[in-house]
Structure formats: C-alpha cells, structure tokens
Amino acid sequence: MIDRRLVLGMIAAIATIDASRIAFAKEKHHLNGKDLLGENIKKNGRHKIYTTGKKVDVLAEVNNGKVTAVTAAGMQVKKVKSRQKLAEMTPGITLASMQLAQADVYYYGYWVYDDLTDTYIWFPADYVIVDSSWVEYTA
C-alpha cells in the first residue's frame, strides 16, 4: 500500500525539479558589437546589427562614430558594463599576463532581452559614450 506522505513527497520533488528547469530555460548570447557593426560605425544613422530568435531586428543608432543607442521592437534594452571579455573582440590567443594588465578595462554592452532570451551586444569603450548610466553586469 502506498503511503500518503510518500506520494506528497514525490509530488513536491517533481514540482521542484520542474520549476528549476523553467527558471534556467533562458538562453544567453554574448555577441561582439564591433564586428556586427563593422564599417557602419563611420556612418550616422540606424543600422541593423542582429536578428533575434524571434525574428526581431536589433538596430544600433550611430552618431559621430559612437553607438548612442540600441533598440529592438517589443524587447527591453539596458546598458551594462563588465571587466570580463564576454564576447571575443579580436581573434587569437590572449596570454595570461595580458589579461592581468587589462583588469581595469571595461567593456560596454547593450542587454536586449525578453522572457525567453538574453542577448548581450558588447562594444569596446571607444565605440560608446561612457557615462554613469551603465550598470555592472552580473551573470
């Protein structure tokens, strides 16, 4: 005979496992904004730099050689900064001694997100206007 406590415990365990699976279902993408933008950094205006999984175009607004905003229809965008190089800026091998020397270098990203995906588009400091509106990135 099945004990009532055993059945309730099994239901609670299944619910916990299912809830944790849902909480971690969000996809994260870290992209190199410098490569996505390319030569368009020299042209003022709005430029398509990426298309999300939901087929939404991500647009970068460029003014005088700086990215001033990133927008995506129906998605939220926030400005974040990090000392970690989350999107490879230049191809090749980075030596450990070089990483230590770059500890105070910040990378600036636009976090484009909805309920299913997190997309981070990272730029070097000379591609954006650095002010106090950038918040620290937390993984």
N, C-alpha and C. Protein backbone atom coordinates (compact mmCIF):
# COMPACT_ATOMS: atom_id res chain seq x y z
N MET A 1 0.83 -1.18 0.00
CA MET A 1 0.00 0.00 0.00
C MET A 1 0.89 1.26 0.00
N ILE A 2 0.53 2.25 -0.79
CA ILE A 2 1.32 3.47 -0.93
C ILE A 2 0.95 4.44 0.18
N ASP A 3 1.98 4.92 0.85
CA ASP A 3 1.81 5.86 1.94
C ASP A 3 1.49 7.25 1.38
N ARG A 4 0.60 7.96 2.03
CA ARG A 4 0.19 9.29 1.58
C ARG A 4 1.36 10.26 1.63
N ARG A 5 2.24 10.17 2.65
CA ARG A 5 3.40 11.05 2.75
C ARG A 5 4.37 10.81 1.61
N LEU A 6 4.53 9.58 1.20
CA LEU A 6 5.41 9.26 0.10
C LEU A 6 4.92 9.90 -1.20
N VAL A 7 3.62 9.81 -1.44
CA VAL A 7 3.03 10.41 -2.64
C VAL A 7 3.18 11.92 -2.61
N LEU A 8 2.91 12.56 -1.48
CA LEU A 8 3.05 14.01 -1.38
C LEU A 8 4.51 14.43 -1.55
N GLY A 9 5.43 13.67 -1.01
CA GLY A 9 6.86 13.96 -1.18
C GLY A 9 7.28 13.85 -2.63
N MET A 10 6.78 12.85 -3.33
CA MET A 10 7.11 12.69 -4.75
C MET A 10 6.55 13.84 -5.57
N ILE A 11 5.35 14.27 -5.27
CA ILE A 11 4.74 15.40 -5.99
C ILE A 11 5.54 16.67 -5.74
N ALA A 12 5.96 16.91 -4.50
CA ALA A 12 6.75 18.09 -4.18
C ALA A 12 8.10 18.05 -4.89
N ALA A 13 8.73 16.90 -4.95
CA ALA A 13 10.02 16.77 -5.62
C ALA A 13 9.90 17.03 -7.11
N ILE A 14 8.87 16.49 -7.72
CA ILE A 14 8.66 16.70 -9.16
C ILE A 14 8.38 18.17 -9.45
N ALA A 15 7.59 18.81 -8.62
CA ALA A 15 7.29 20.23 -8.81
C ALA A 15 8.55 21.08 -8.68
N THR A 16 9.41 20.75 -7.72
CA THR A 16 10.65 21.49 -7.53
C THR A 16 11.58 21.33 -8.73
N ILE A 17 11.72 20.12 -9.21
CA ILE A 17 12.58 19.86 -10.37
C ILE A 17 12.03 20.57 -11.60
N ASP A 18 10.73 20.54 -11.81
CA ASP A 18 10.11 21.19 -12.96
C ASP A 18 10.26 22.70 -12.87
N ALA A 19 10.09 23.28 -11.68
CA ALA A 19 10.23 24.73 -11.52
C ALA A 19 11.66 25.17 -11.78
N SER A 20 12.64 24.40 -11.34
CA SER A 20 14.04 24.78 -11.57
C SER A 20 14.38 24.68 -13.05
N ARG A 21 13.80 23.74 -13.77
CA ARG A 21 14.05 23.62 -15.21
C ARG A 21 13.51 24.85 -15.93
N ILE A 22 12.36 25.34 -15.52
CA ILE A 22 11.77 26.53 -16.13
C ILE A 22 12.61 27.76 -15.83
N ALA A 23 13.13 27.87 -14.62
CA ALA A 23 13.92 29.04 -14.23
C ALA A 23 15.21 29.15 -15.04
N PHE A 24 15.80 28.03 -15.46
CA PHE A 24 17.05 28.06 -16.18
C PHE A 24 16.88 27.93 -17.69
N ALA A 25 15.68 28.07 -18.19
CA ALA A 25 15.42 27.86 -19.61
C ALA A 25 15.84 29.04 -20.48
N LYS A 26 16.19 30.18 -19.89
CA LYS A 26 16.54 31.37 -20.65
C LYS A 26 17.90 31.20 -21.34
N GLU A 27 17.95 31.52 -22.62
CA GLU A 27 19.18 31.43 -23.40
C GLU A 27 19.95 32.74 -23.30
N LYS A 28 21.29 32.64 -23.18
CA LYS A 28 22.15 33.83 -23.16
C LYS A 28 23.08 33.80 -24.37
N HIS A 29 23.14 34.94 -25.05
CA HIS A 29 24.02 35.08 -26.20
C HIS A 29 24.90 36.31 -25.98
N HIS A 30 26.21 36.16 -26.10
CA HIS A 30 27.16 37.27 -25.99
C HIS A 30 27.75 37.49 -27.37
N LEU A 31 27.55 38.69 -27.91
CA LEU A 31 27.98 38.99 -29.27
C LEU A 31 28.94 40.17 -29.31
N ASN A 32 29.82 40.17 -30.28
CA ASN A 32 30.79 41.23 -30.47
C ASN A 32 30.15 42.33 -31.32
N GLY A 33 29.80 43.43 -30.68
CA GLY A 33 29.13 44.53 -31.37
C GLY A 33 30.01 45.22 -32.39
N LYS A 34 31.32 45.27 -32.11
CA LYS A 34 32.25 45.90 -33.05
C LYS A 34 32.23 45.17 -34.38
N ASP A 35 32.25 43.84 -34.34
CA ASP A 35 32.20 43.05 -35.58
C ASP A 35 30.83 43.14 -36.25
N LEU A 36 29.77 43.13 -35.46
CA LEU A 36 28.41 43.21 -36.03
C LEU A 36 28.19 44.54 -36.74
N LEU A 37 28.70 45.61 -36.17
CA LEU A 37 28.51 46.94 -36.74
C LEU A 37 29.43 47.18 -37.93
N GLY A 38 30.65 46.70 -37.85
CA GLY A 38 31.61 46.83 -38.96
C GLY A 38 31.87 48.27 -39.35
N GLU A 39 31.88 48.52 -40.64
CA GLU A 39 32.16 49.86 -41.18
C GLU A 39 31.02 50.85 -40.94
N ASN A 40 29.87 50.38 -40.50
CA ASN A 40 28.75 51.29 -40.25
C ASN A 40 29.01 52.23 -39.08
N ILE A 41 30.06 51.99 -38.30
CA ILE A 41 30.40 52.90 -37.21
C ILE A 41 30.77 54.29 -37.76
N LYS A 42 31.18 54.33 -39.03
CA LYS A 42 31.57 55.60 -39.65
C LYS A 42 30.39 56.34 -40.26
N LYS A 43 29.21 55.69 -40.31
CA LYS A 43 28.02 56.30 -40.94
C LYS A 43 26.98 56.61 -39.88
N ASN A 44 26.55 57.84 -39.80
CA ASN A 44 25.49 58.22 -38.87
C ASN A 44 24.17 57.59 -39.29
N GLY A 45 23.35 57.22 -38.29
CA GLY A 45 22.03 56.67 -38.58
C GLY A 45 21.80 55.37 -37.84
N ARG A 46 20.70 54.69 -38.20
CA ARG A 46 20.33 53.42 -37.59
C ARG A 46 20.77 52.29 -38.51
N HIS A 47 21.41 51.28 -37.90
CA HIS A 47 21.94 50.16 -38.68
C HIS A 47 21.50 48.85 -38.04
N LYS A 48 21.02 47.93 -38.86
CA LYS A 48 20.65 46.61 -38.38
C LYS A 48 21.93 45.84 -38.08
N ILE A 49 22.04 45.32 -36.83
CA ILE A 49 23.26 44.59 -36.47
C ILE A 49 23.00 43.13 -36.12
N TYR A 50 21.75 42.77 -35.86
CA TYR A 50 21.47 41.40 -35.42
C TYR A 50 19.98 41.13 -35.56
N THR A 51 19.61 39.85 -35.70
CA THR A 51 18.22 39.42 -35.69
C THR A 51 18.07 38.37 -34.60
N THR A 52 17.16 38.57 -33.67
CA THR A 52 16.98 37.64 -32.55
C THR A 52 16.27 36.38 -33.03
N GLY A 53 16.16 35.41 -32.12
CA GLY A 53 15.47 34.16 -32.43
C GLY A 53 14.00 34.35 -32.75
N LYS A 54 13.42 35.43 -32.25
CA LYS A 54 12.02 35.73 -32.54
C LYS A 54 11.86 36.57 -33.81
N LYS A 55 12.93 36.64 -34.59
CA LYS A 55 12.94 37.39 -35.86
C LYS A 55 12.72 38.88 -35.64
N VAL A 56 13.28 39.41 -34.56
CA VAL A 56 13.21 40.83 -34.27
C VAL A 56 14.56 41.45 -34.61
N ASP A 57 14.55 42.53 -35.39
CA ASP A 57 15.79 43.20 -35.78
C ASP A 57 16.30 44.06 -34.63
N VAL A 58 17.58 43.95 -34.35
CA VAL A 58 18.25 44.79 -33.36
C VAL A 58 18.98 45.88 -34.12
N LEU A 59 18.69 47.13 -33.78
CA LEU A 59 19.25 48.27 -34.50
C LEU A 59 20.16 49.07 -33.59
N ALA A 60 21.31 49.48 -34.12
CA ALA A 60 22.23 50.35 -33.41
C ALA A 60 22.15 51.74 -34.02
N GLU A 61 22.02 52.73 -33.17
CA GLU A 61 22.00 54.11 -33.64
C GLU A 61 23.39 54.70 -33.46
N VAL A 62 23.97 55.18 -34.55
CA VAL A 62 25.34 55.70 -34.55
C VAL A 62 25.30 57.19 -34.82
N ASN A 63 26.09 57.93 -34.03
CA ASN A 63 26.21 59.37 -34.22
C ASN A 63 27.67 59.75 -33.97
N ASN A 64 28.32 60.31 -34.97
CA ASN A 64 29.72 60.76 -34.88
C ASN A 64 30.67 59.65 -34.41
N GLY A 65 30.52 58.46 -34.94
CA GLY A 65 31.42 57.37 -34.64
C GLY A 65 31.19 56.68 -33.31
N LYS A 66 30.08 56.94 -32.66
CA LYS A 66 29.75 56.32 -31.37
C LYS A 66 28.35 55.72 -31.44
N VAL A 67 28.18 54.57 -30.80
CA VAL A 67 26.87 53.96 -30.68
C VAL A 67 26.15 54.68 -29.54
N THR A 68 25.04 55.34 -29.86
CA THR A 68 24.31 56.10 -28.84
C THR A 68 23.14 55.34 -28.26
N ALA A 69 22.63 54.34 -29.00
CA ALA A 69 21.50 53.55 -28.51
C ALA A 69 21.38 52.27 -29.32
N VAL A 70 20.77 51.28 -28.69
CA VAL A 70 20.41 50.04 -29.36
C VAL A 70 18.94 49.78 -29.08
N THR A 71 18.18 49.44 -30.12
CA THR A 71 16.75 49.20 -29.95
C THR A 71 16.35 47.90 -30.64
N ALA A 72 15.26 47.32 -30.13
CA ALA A 72 14.67 46.13 -30.73
C ALA A 72 13.17 46.19 -30.44
N ALA A 73 12.35 46.10 -31.47
CA ALA A 73 10.90 46.23 -31.31
C ALA A 73 10.35 45.13 -30.40
N GLY A 74 9.62 45.53 -29.38
CA GLY A 74 8.98 44.58 -28.47
C GLY A 74 9.90 43.97 -27.44
N MET A 75 11.15 44.42 -27.38
CA MET A 75 12.09 43.88 -26.41
C MET A 75 12.66 45.02 -25.57
N GLN A 76 13.08 44.70 -24.36
CA GLN A 76 13.66 45.70 -23.48
C GLN A 76 15.17 45.75 -23.70
N VAL A 77 15.76 46.92 -23.47
CA VAL A 77 17.20 47.10 -23.64
C VAL A 77 17.74 47.86 -22.43
N LYS A 78 18.84 47.34 -21.87
CA LYS A 78 19.53 48.01 -20.77
C LYS A 78 21.01 48.09 -21.09
N LYS A 79 21.68 49.08 -20.50
CA LYS A 79 23.11 49.27 -20.70
C LYS A 79 23.87 48.62 -19.55
N VAL A 80 24.84 47.77 -19.88
CA VAL A 80 25.63 47.09 -18.85
C VAL A 80 27.12 47.23 -19.17
N LYS A 81 27.95 47.08 -18.13
CA LYS A 81 29.39 47.11 -18.32
C LYS A 81 30.02 45.97 -17.54
N SER A 82 31.19 45.53 -18.02
CA SER A 82 31.87 44.40 -17.37
C SER A 82 33.36 44.51 -17.61
N ARG A 83 34.13 44.01 -16.65
CA ARG A 83 35.57 43.92 -16.83
C ARG A 83 35.95 42.63 -17.56
N GLN A 84 35.02 41.69 -17.62
CA GLN A 84 35.27 40.43 -18.32
C GLN A 84 35.08 40.62 -19.82
N LYS A 85 35.89 39.96 -20.58
CA LYS A 85 35.73 39.97 -22.03
C LYS A 85 34.77 38.84 -22.37
N LEU A 86 33.47 39.16 -22.46
CA LEU A 86 32.44 38.14 -22.64
C LEU A 86 32.21 37.80 -24.10
N ALA A 87 32.52 38.71 -24.99
CA ALA A 87 32.46 38.43 -26.43
C ALA A 87 33.85 38.69 -26.97
N GLU A 88 34.39 37.76 -27.70
CA GLU A 88 35.75 37.88 -28.21
C GLU A 88 35.84 39.10 -29.12
N MET A 89 36.68 40.06 -28.75
CA MET A 89 36.82 41.29 -29.53
C MET A 89 37.81 41.13 -30.68
N THR A 90 38.88 40.39 -30.44
CA THR A 90 39.85 40.16 -31.50
C THR A 90 40.20 38.68 -31.52
N PRO A 91 40.27 38.08 -32.68
CA PRO A 91 40.61 36.67 -32.73
C PRO A 91 42.06 36.45 -32.32
N GLY A 92 42.31 35.28 -31.74
CA GLY A 92 43.68 34.94 -31.37
C GLY A 92 43.77 34.51 -29.93
N ILE A 93 45.00 34.30 -29.49
CA ILE A 93 45.26 33.82 -28.15
C ILE A 93 45.54 35.00 -27.24
N THR A 94 44.92 35.01 -26.05
CA THR A 94 45.18 36.03 -25.06
C THR A 94 46.06 35.41 -23.98
N LEU A 95 47.23 35.96 -23.77
CA LEU A 95 48.13 35.44 -22.76
C LEU A 95 47.67 35.84 -21.37
N ALA A 96 47.96 35.01 -20.38
CA ALA A 96 47.54 35.27 -19.01
C ALA A 96 48.11 36.59 -18.50
N SER A 97 49.34 36.92 -18.85
CA SER A 97 49.94 38.17 -18.40
C SER A 97 49.22 39.37 -19.01
N MET A 98 48.70 39.22 -20.21
CA MET A 98 47.95 40.31 -20.83
C MET A 98 46.61 40.49 -20.16
N GLN A 99 45.98 39.42 -19.71
CA GLN A 99 44.70 39.53 -19.04
C GLN A 99 44.83 40.30 -17.74
N LEU A 100 45.89 40.07 -16.97
CA LEU A 100 46.08 40.78 -15.71
C LEU A 100 46.29 42.27 -15.95
N ALA A 101 46.97 42.63 -17.01
CA ALA A 101 47.22 44.03 -17.30
C ALA A 101 45.94 44.75 -17.70
N GLN A 102 44.95 44.03 -18.18
CA GLN A 102 43.71 44.65 -18.64
C GLN A 102 42.61 44.61 -17.59
N ALA A 103 42.95 44.46 -16.32
CA ALA A 103 41.95 44.30 -15.26
C ALA A 103 41.04 45.52 -15.12
N ASP A 104 41.53 46.72 -15.45
CA ASP A 104 40.73 47.93 -15.29
C ASP A 104 40.02 48.35 -16.57
N VAL A 105 40.09 47.53 -17.61
CA VAL A 105 39.42 47.84 -18.86
C VAL A 105 37.97 47.38 -18.77
N TYR A 106 37.06 48.27 -19.14
CA TYR A 106 35.64 47.91 -19.16
C TYR A 106 35.19 47.66 -20.59
N TYR A 107 34.24 46.74 -20.72
CA TYR A 107 33.55 46.51 -21.98
C TYR A 107 32.10 46.90 -21.75
N TYR A 108 31.50 47.54 -22.72
CA TYR A 108 30.15 48.08 -22.57
C TYR A 108 29.20 47.35 -23.48
N GLY A 109 28.08 46.92 -22.92
CA GLY A 109 27.15 46.14 -23.70
C GLY A 109 25.72 46.61 -23.57
N TYR A 110 24.97 46.31 -24.58
CA TYR A 110 23.53 46.54 -24.55
C TYR A 110 22.87 45.18 -24.36
N TRP A 111 22.09 45.07 -23.30
CA TRP A 111 21.41 43.84 -22.94
C TRP A 111 20.01 43.91 -23.53
N VAL A 112 19.76 43.13 -24.57
CA VAL A 112 18.47 43.07 -25.24
C VAL A 112 17.79 41.80 -24.76
N TYR A 113 16.60 41.93 -24.16
CA TYR A 113 16.00 40.74 -23.55
C TYR A 113 14.49 40.73 -23.62
N ASP A 114 13.96 39.50 -23.53
CA ASP A 114 12.53 39.26 -23.38
C ASP A 114 12.39 38.07 -22.44
N ASP A 115 11.24 37.43 -22.42
CA ASP A 115 11.01 36.33 -21.49
C ASP A 115 11.78 35.06 -21.85
N LEU A 116 12.29 34.93 -23.07
CA LEU A 116 12.97 33.70 -23.48
C LEU A 116 14.47 33.84 -23.68
N THR A 117 14.95 35.01 -24.10
CA THR A 117 16.36 35.16 -24.43
C THR A 117 16.98 36.39 -23.81
N ASP A 118 18.27 36.28 -23.53
CA ASP A 118 19.11 37.41 -23.13
C ASP A 118 20.19 37.52 -24.18
N THR A 119 20.26 38.65 -24.85
CA THR A 119 21.31 38.88 -25.83
C THR A 119 22.13 40.07 -25.38
N TYR A 120 23.43 39.88 -25.27
CA TYR A 120 24.34 40.94 -24.88
C TYR A 120 25.20 41.28 -26.08
N ILE A 121 25.20 42.55 -26.47
CA ILE A 121 26.00 43.01 -27.59
C ILE A 121 27.06 43.93 -27.01
N TRP A 122 28.31 43.46 -27.01
CA TRP A 122 29.42 44.13 -26.32
C TRP A 122 30.24 44.99 -27.28
N PHE A 123 30.61 46.19 -26.79
CA PHE A 123 31.43 47.12 -27.55
C PHE A 123 32.63 47.54 -26.71
N PRO A 124 33.76 47.86 -27.36
CA PRO A 124 34.87 48.45 -26.61
C PRO A 124 34.50 49.88 -26.19
N ALA A 125 35.21 50.42 -25.22
CA ALA A 125 34.87 51.73 -24.65
C ALA A 125 34.88 52.84 -25.69
N ASP A 126 35.73 52.75 -26.72
CA ASP A 126 35.80 53.82 -27.71
C ASP A 126 34.64 53.80 -28.71
N TYR A 127 33.75 52.82 -28.62
CA TYR A 127 32.59 52.75 -29.50
C TYR A 127 31.32 53.33 -28.88
N VAL A 128 31.34 53.63 -27.59
CA VAL A 128 30.15 54.11 -26.89
C VAL A 128 30.46 55.38 -26.13
N ILE A 129 29.43 56.06 -25.68
CA ILE A 129 29.58 57.22 -24.81
C ILE A 129 29.52 56.72 -23.38
N VAL A 130 30.62 56.83 -22.66
CA VAL A 130 30.72 56.32 -21.30
C VAL A 130 30.24 57.40 -20.33
N ASP A 131 29.21 57.04 -19.55
CA ASP A 131 28.70 57.93 -18.51
C ASP A 131 28.22 57.07 -17.34
N SER A 132 27.52 57.65 -16.41
CA SER A 132 27.10 56.93 -15.20
C SER A 132 25.85 56.05 -15.41
N SER A 133 25.30 56.03 -16.60
CA SER A 133 24.07 55.26 -16.83
C SER A 133 24.33 53.76 -17.03
N TRP A 134 25.58 53.35 -17.15
CA TRP A 134 25.92 51.93 -17.35
C TRP A 134 25.94 51.24 -16.00
N VAL A 135 25.29 50.09 -15.89
CA VAL A 135 25.27 49.33 -14.63
C VAL A 135 26.17 48.11 -14.77
N GLU A 136 26.68 47.63 -13.65
CA GLU A 136 27.58 46.48 -13.63
C GLU A 136 26.85 45.21 -14.06
N TYR A 137 27.46 44.45 -14.97
CA TYR A 137 26.89 43.17 -15.42
C TYR A 137 27.08 42.13 -14.34
N THR A 138 26.01 41.38 -14.07
CA THR A 138 26.10 40.24 -13.16
C THR A 138 25.56 39.02 -13.88
N ALA A 139 26.33 37.96 -13.86
CA ALA A 139 25.96 36.74 -14.58
C ALA A 139 24.80 36.04 -13.96
